[in-house]
Amino acid sequence: MKLLEKLKGTYKYILATALASTIATSSPTAQADFYEGNRGPSTAQLHYTANFAKDISHSLALKYFGQDVFIIGAINTNGEEINSGFIGLGFILETEYLKFIPVLGYAISTNGAIDANLILQGTHFLDKDGSLMLDITYKATASTDSLQQSISLTPSIGNPTFRIGPELTYNTNNGLSEKLILRYDLDSKSHSSWLEFAVNQQGNLEFQFRGNF
């Protein structure tokens, strides 16, 4: 708990400093997505995630961004065996300030269970330069005997190299959860690849790498 309180205090300080700096300099920011709602700068993206809780879990996703079509395939593993896989098909809607990718997909676990997933992902650029963004994700997972829904809001602020923001998620089964996300672009000009680090309210860490090819 002390670690979490310290992280929250540090986050508030960093966010306030970043906000003041952005307003003062009006620096342009990354035009690639902070979360999921915007296409990458290339047609293909590799997305790796590692979650560090009691056990370490991994996921690896390949994404294809066509002119209007989005395709994703992913696998999840505990490091010893593959637990589940996912395949989804969506389409891409883009305006100047709003990017939107709805996806319909199926998750298949190793025990043979198949869940249908509807995922609505959107990124809203709140200012002309993209310094301020709001990412919204709605997900509905339907199995044979249940329906689980969640909605996430991720407001963020940043410049071409760094971006920071909280992710607030409400899940119909688990209630409200929080994360603090920090993104670091490895290429601030084309935004071809970036790293993301996150910590949740339990102090568990998450690492992500996204590379566009």
Protein backbone atom coordinates (compact mmCIF):
# COMPACT_ATOMS: atom_id res chain seq x y z
CA MET A 1 0.00 0.00 0.00
CA LYS A 2 2.85 2.41 0.79
CA LEU A 3 4.36 1.69 -2.61
CA LEU A 4 1.02 2.35 -4.32
CA GLU A 5 0.52 5.63 -2.43
CA LYS A 6 4.03 6.70 -3.36
CA LEU A 7 3.43 5.85 -7.02
CA LYS A 8 0.15 7.77 -7.02
CA GLY A 9 1.86 10.79 -5.48
CA THR A 10 4.67 10.61 -8.03
CA TYR A 11 2.13 10.24 -10.85
CA LYS A 12 0.22 13.37 -9.75
CA TYR A 13 3.45 15.35 -9.67
CA ILE A 14 4.58 14.10 -13.10
CA LEU A 15 1.16 14.72 -14.66
CA ALA A 16 0.96 18.27 -13.27
CA THR A 17 4.49 19.01 -14.49
CA ALA A 18 3.78 17.56 -17.93
CA LEU A 19 0.56 19.53 -18.23
CA ALA A 20 2.26 22.79 -17.30
CA SER A 21 5.11 22.07 -19.72
CA THR A 22 2.75 21.20 -22.58
CA ILE A 23 0.66 24.33 -22.11
CA ALA A 24 3.77 26.47 -21.92
CA THR A 25 5.53 25.03 -24.99
CA SER A 26 2.58 23.76 -27.12
CA SER A 27 4.89 21.01 -28.36
CA PRO A 28 3.48 18.52 -30.91
CA THR A 29 2.92 14.96 -29.73
CA ALA A 30 2.92 11.44 -31.05
CA GLN A 31 0.32 10.86 -33.74
CA ALA A 32 0.30 7.12 -33.14
CA ASP A 33 -2.14 5.67 -30.64
CA PHE A 34 -1.50 5.63 -26.90
CA TYR A 35 -3.81 2.69 -26.50
CA GLU A 36 -5.77 0.78 -29.17
CA GLY A 37 -8.01 3.10 -31.14
CA ASN A 38 -5.69 4.37 -33.87
CA ARG A 39 -3.87 2.62 -36.71
CA GLY A 40 -0.11 2.28 -36.53
CA PRO A 41 2.20 4.01 -39.02
CA SER A 42 2.61 0.77 -41.04
CA THR A 43 0.36 -2.03 -42.24
CA ALA A 44 1.70 -4.59 -39.74
CA GLN A 45 2.25 -4.35 -35.99
CA LEU A 46 3.81 -6.74 -33.48
CA HIS A 47 2.40 -6.32 -29.95
CA TYR A 48 4.01 -8.12 -27.00
CA THR A 49 2.72 -7.88 -23.41
CA ALA A 50 4.09 -9.29 -20.16
CA ASN A 51 2.13 -9.15 -16.89
CA PHE A 52 4.00 -9.56 -13.62
CA ALA A 53 1.65 -10.70 -10.85
CA LYS A 54 1.92 -13.89 -8.77
CA ASP A 55 2.74 -15.62 -12.03
CA ILE A 56 4.15 -14.06 -15.19
CA SER A 57 1.90 -14.23 -18.23
CA HIS A 58 2.69 -13.30 -21.81
CA SER A 59 0.69 -12.42 -24.90
CA LEU A 60 1.83 -11.94 -28.47
CA ALA A 61 -0.39 -10.33 -31.08
CA LEU A 62 0.02 -9.64 -34.78
CA LYS A 63 -2.10 -6.84 -36.22
CA TYR A 64 -2.81 -5.89 -39.81
CA PHE A 65 -3.98 -2.38 -40.70
CA GLY A 66 -5.45 -2.28 -44.19
CA GLN A 67 -7.04 0.68 -45.89
CA ASP A 68 -10.30 0.09 -44.03
CA VAL A 69 -9.85 -3.40 -42.56
CA PHE A 70 -8.21 -4.45 -39.28
CA ILE A 71 -7.18 -8.05 -38.51
CA ILE A 72 -5.66 -9.37 -35.28
CA GLY A 73 -4.40 -12.76 -34.13
CA ALA A 74 -3.01 -13.38 -30.65
CA ILE A 75 -1.89 -16.11 -28.26
CA ASN A 76 -1.62 -16.05 -24.46
CA THR A 77 0.78 -18.17 -22.43
CA ASN A 78 1.97 -18.64 -18.86
CA GLY A 79 5.50 -19.31 -20.08
CA GLU A 80 5.07 -23.08 -20.08
CA GLU A 81 2.07 -23.65 -22.33
CA ILE A 82 -0.38 -21.71 -24.48
CA ASN A 83 -3.54 -20.92 -22.53
CA SER A 84 -5.71 -19.35 -25.21
CA GLY A 85 -5.78 -17.76 -28.63
CA PHE A 86 -7.74 -14.94 -30.20
CA ILE A 87 -8.64 -13.92 -33.74
CA GLY A 88 -10.58 -10.82 -34.68
CA LEU A 89 -11.77 -8.81 -37.66
CA GLY A 90 -12.64 -5.13 -37.61
CA PHE A 91 -12.78 -1.99 -39.68
CA ILE A 92 -11.11 1.40 -39.35
CA LEU A 93 -12.97 4.72 -39.18
CA GLU A 94 -10.93 7.92 -39.14
CA THR A 95 -11.66 11.63 -38.91
CA GLU A 96 -9.29 14.46 -38.04
CA TYR A 97 -9.83 14.17 -34.29
CA LEU A 98 -11.47 10.75 -33.83
CA LYS A 99 -10.08 7.32 -34.70
CA PHE A 100 -12.32 4.28 -34.21
CA ILE A 101 -11.70 0.51 -34.65
CA PRO A 102 -14.59 -1.85 -33.79
CA VAL A 103 -13.58 -5.53 -33.71
CA LEU A 104 -15.55 -8.77 -33.59
CA GLY A 105 -13.53 -11.81 -32.57
CA TYR A 106 -13.39 -15.22 -30.90
CA ALA A 107 -11.20 -16.40 -28.03
CA ILE A 108 -10.44 -20.12 -27.79
CA SER A 109 -8.95 -21.59 -24.62
CA THR A 110 -7.04 -24.86 -24.30
CA ASN A 111 -10.03 -26.51 -22.58
CA GLY A 112 -12.09 -25.98 -25.72
CA ALA A 113 -14.22 -23.05 -24.50
CA ILE A 114 -15.04 -20.47 -27.18
CA ASP A 115 -16.03 -16.92 -26.24
CA ALA A 116 -17.35 -14.28 -28.63
CA ASN A 117 -15.89 -10.81 -28.17
CA LEU A 118 -17.09 -7.41 -29.30
CA ILE A 119 -14.45 -4.71 -28.83
CA LEU A 120 -15.05 -1.03 -29.58
CA GLN A 121 -11.84 0.99 -29.52
CA GLY A 122 -11.64 4.73 -30.02
CA THR A 123 -9.01 7.47 -29.69
CA HIS A 124 -10.14 11.10 -29.50
CA PHE A 125 -7.59 13.84 -30.05
CA LEU A 126 -8.68 16.64 -27.71
CA ASP A 127 -6.51 19.35 -29.26
CA LYS A 128 -5.04 20.15 -32.66
CA ASP A 129 -1.51 19.01 -31.81
CA GLY A 130 -2.59 15.79 -30.16
CA SER A 131 -1.02 16.72 -26.83
CA LEU A 132 -4.19 15.61 -25.05
CA MET A 133 -5.87 12.31 -25.96
CA LEU A 134 -8.75 10.27 -24.65
CA ASP A 135 -8.86 6.54 -25.39
CA ILE A 136 -12.10 4.63 -24.84
CA THR A 137 -12.48 0.85 -25.02
CA TYR A 138 -15.70 -1.13 -24.57
CA LYS A 139 -15.52 -4.92 -24.48
CA ALA A 140 -18.28 -7.52 -24.24
CA THR A 141 -17.39 -11.20 -23.82
CA ALA A 142 -20.17 -13.74 -24.29
CA SER A 143 -19.77 -17.39 -23.31
CA THR A 144 -22.41 -20.12 -23.21
CA ASP A 145 -23.69 -19.09 -19.77
CA SER A 146 -22.52 -15.53 -19.08
CA LEU A 147 -21.95 -12.03 -20.46
CA GLN A 148 -19.09 -9.96 -19.14
CA GLN A 149 -18.71 -6.29 -20.05
CA SER A 150 -16.08 -3.65 -19.37
CA ILE A 151 -15.38 -0.05 -20.33
CA SER A 152 -12.02 1.70 -20.04
CA LEU A 153 -11.15 5.40 -20.19
CA THR A 154 -7.54 6.48 -20.68
CA PRO A 155 -6.94 10.23 -20.72
CA SER A 156 -3.31 11.03 -21.48
CA ILE A 157 -0.91 13.89 -22.03
CA GLY A 158 2.49 13.95 -23.68
CA ASN A 159 4.98 14.99 -26.34
CA PRO A 160 6.59 13.10 -29.25
CA THR A 161 8.69 10.97 -26.86
CA PHE A 162 6.76 10.51 -23.61
CA ARG A 163 3.07 10.03 -22.83
CA ILE A 164 1.44 9.38 -19.46
CA GLY A 165 -2.09 8.80 -18.25
CA PRO A 166 -4.34 6.72 -15.99
CA GLU A 167 -6.46 3.84 -17.29
CA LEU A 168 -9.77 3.52 -15.44
CA THR A 169 -11.70 0.31 -16.13
CA TYR A 170 -15.13 -0.74 -14.90
CA ASN A 171 -15.87 -4.45 -15.24
CA THR A 172 -19.33 -5.90 -14.52
CA ASN A 173 -17.73 -8.80 -12.62
CA ASN A 174 -14.82 -7.12 -10.83
CA GLY A 175 -15.87 -3.49 -10.41
CA LEU A 176 -13.48 -0.54 -10.84
CA SER A 177 -9.74 -0.93 -11.40
CA GLU A 178 -6.94 1.52 -12.11
CA LYS A 179 -3.62 1.58 -13.92
CA LEU A 180 -0.99 4.21 -14.46
CA ILE A 181 0.53 3.97 -17.96
CA LEU A 182 3.76 5.51 -19.24
CA ARG A 183 4.67 5.31 -22.91
CA TYR A 184 8.12 5.92 -24.37
CA ASP A 185 8.52 6.23 -28.15
CA LEU A 186 11.69 4.68 -29.50
CA ASP A 187 11.30 6.72 -32.70
CA SER A 188 9.69 10.11 -32.04
CA LYS A 189 9.62 11.06 -35.75
CA SER A 190 7.77 8.16 -37.37
CA HIS A 191 6.55 6.51 -34.12
CA SER A 192 7.42 3.12 -35.61
CA SER A 193 7.88 1.46 -32.22
CA TRP A 194 7.32 2.20 -28.55
CA LEU A 195 7.41 0.80 -25.04
CA GLU A 196 4.68 0.97 -22.42
CA PHE A 197 4.99 0.44 -18.68
CA ALA A 198 2.00 0.17 -16.34
CA VAL A 199 1.35 -0.40 -12.66
CA ASN A 200 -2.08 -1.25 -11.24
CA GLN A 201 -3.60 -0.54 -7.83
CA GLN A 202 -2.24 -3.83 -6.45
CA GLY A 203 1.29 -2.85 -7.46
CA ASN A 204 1.49 -5.41 -10.28
CA LEU A 205 3.58 -4.37 -13.25
CA GLU A 206 2.91 -4.67 -16.98
CA PHE A 207 5.31 -4.23 -19.89
CA GLN A 208 4.40 -3.79 -23.54
CA PHE A 209 6.34 -3.46 -26.76
CA ARG A 210 4.72 -2.45 -30.05
CA GLY A 211 6.64 -2.39 -33.31
CA ASN A 212 5.27 -1.42 -36.72
CA PHE A 213 6.71 -2.91 -39.88
